[in-house]
Amino acid sequence: MKPAAIVLSHVGSLGRARHPQQTDLTKIDRTIVKEPKYNHEPYYALIVIGPKAEKRVWLVGDGCGTARE
């Protein structure tokens, strides 16, 4: 199953207007090659950095928002 991802933005290029051509964020590869075993259903977020989204960082929350008993 492919994880749902949230692409946050071009964090590295905030406030700069030097790059008139923006990267199409819908075409970024969102494949996660290796994942650990999760205790709960994971929640994913993808942060892309740079004008061409050349740097990518995955954030994964395991058990976000769940009550502990």
Protein backbone atom coordinates (compact mmCIF):
# COMPACT_ATOMS: atom_id res chain seq x y z
CA MET A 1 0.00 0.00 0.00
CA LYS A 2 1.36 3.39 -0.96
CA PRO A 3 1.36 5.92 1.87
CA ALA A 4 -0.60 9.11 1.50
CA ALA A 5 1.78 12.04 1.53
CA ILE A 6 1.48 15.72 2.16
CA VAL A 7 3.92 17.82 0.21
CA LEU A 8 4.48 20.88 2.33
CA SER A 9 6.28 23.31 0.03
CA HIS A 10 9.55 24.53 -1.40
CA VAL A 11 10.92 25.30 2.05
CA GLY A 12 14.38 26.22 0.78
CA SER A 13 13.09 28.79 -1.68
CA LEU A 14 10.65 30.73 0.50
CA GLY A 15 10.77 34.43 -0.20
CA ARG A 16 12.87 34.10 -3.34
CA ALA A 17 11.45 35.07 -6.72
CA ARG A 18 14.56 34.14 -8.74
CA HIS A 19 13.08 30.85 -9.95
CA PRO A 20 10.03 31.66 -12.07
CA GLN A 21 9.56 28.01 -13.07
CA GLN A 22 8.21 26.01 -10.18
CA THR A 23 8.54 22.26 -9.85
CA ASP A 24 5.34 20.29 -10.36
CA LEU A 25 4.97 18.77 -6.89
CA THR A 26 2.44 16.21 -8.13
CA LYS A 27 5.21 14.48 -10.12
CA ILE A 28 7.62 13.90 -7.21
CA ASP A 29 8.48 10.24 -6.56
CA ARG A 30 6.93 9.29 -3.20
CA THR A 31 8.36 5.80 -2.92
CA ILE A 32 9.56 4.80 0.54
CA VAL A 33 12.20 2.12 0.00
CA LYS A 34 12.53 0.68 3.50
CA GLU A 35 10.15 1.07 6.44
CA PRO A 36 10.25 -0.30 9.98
CA LYS A 37 7.43 -2.29 11.53
CA TYR A 38 4.95 0.17 12.99
CA ASN A 39 2.98 -0.28 16.22
CA HIS A 40 0.01 1.72 14.88
CA GLU A 41 -1.17 3.01 11.54
CA PRO A 42 1.50 5.47 10.38
CA TYR A 43 0.85 9.02 9.20
CA TYR A 44 3.17 10.43 6.54
CA ALA A 45 4.36 13.88 5.48
CA LEU A 46 6.90 14.71 2.80
CA ILE A 47 8.93 17.92 2.97
CA VAL A 48 10.69 19.01 -0.22
CA ILE A 49 13.53 21.53 -0.12
CA GLY A 50 14.99 23.61 -2.91
CA PRO A 51 13.68 25.25 -6.07
CA LYS A 52 13.62 21.91 -7.88
CA ALA A 53 12.64 19.85 -4.82
CA GLU A 54 15.98 18.05 -4.98
CA LYS A 55 16.09 17.37 -1.23
CA ARG A 56 13.29 15.30 0.33
CA VAL A 57 12.60 14.43 3.95
CA TRP A 58 9.91 11.99 5.08
CA LEU A 59 8.23 12.51 8.45
CA VAL A 60 6.38 9.50 9.83
CA GLY A 61 4.21 9.49 12.93
CA ASP A 62 3.45 6.12 14.49
CA GLY A 63 0.38 6.35 16.70
CA CYS A 64 -0.23 10.08 16.30
CA GLY A 65 -3.30 11.22 18.15
CA THR A 66 -4.04 7.89 19.79
CA ALA A 67 -4.95 7.65 23.46
CA ARG A 68 -2.69 5.53 25.63
CA GLU A 69 -4.37 3.13 27.99
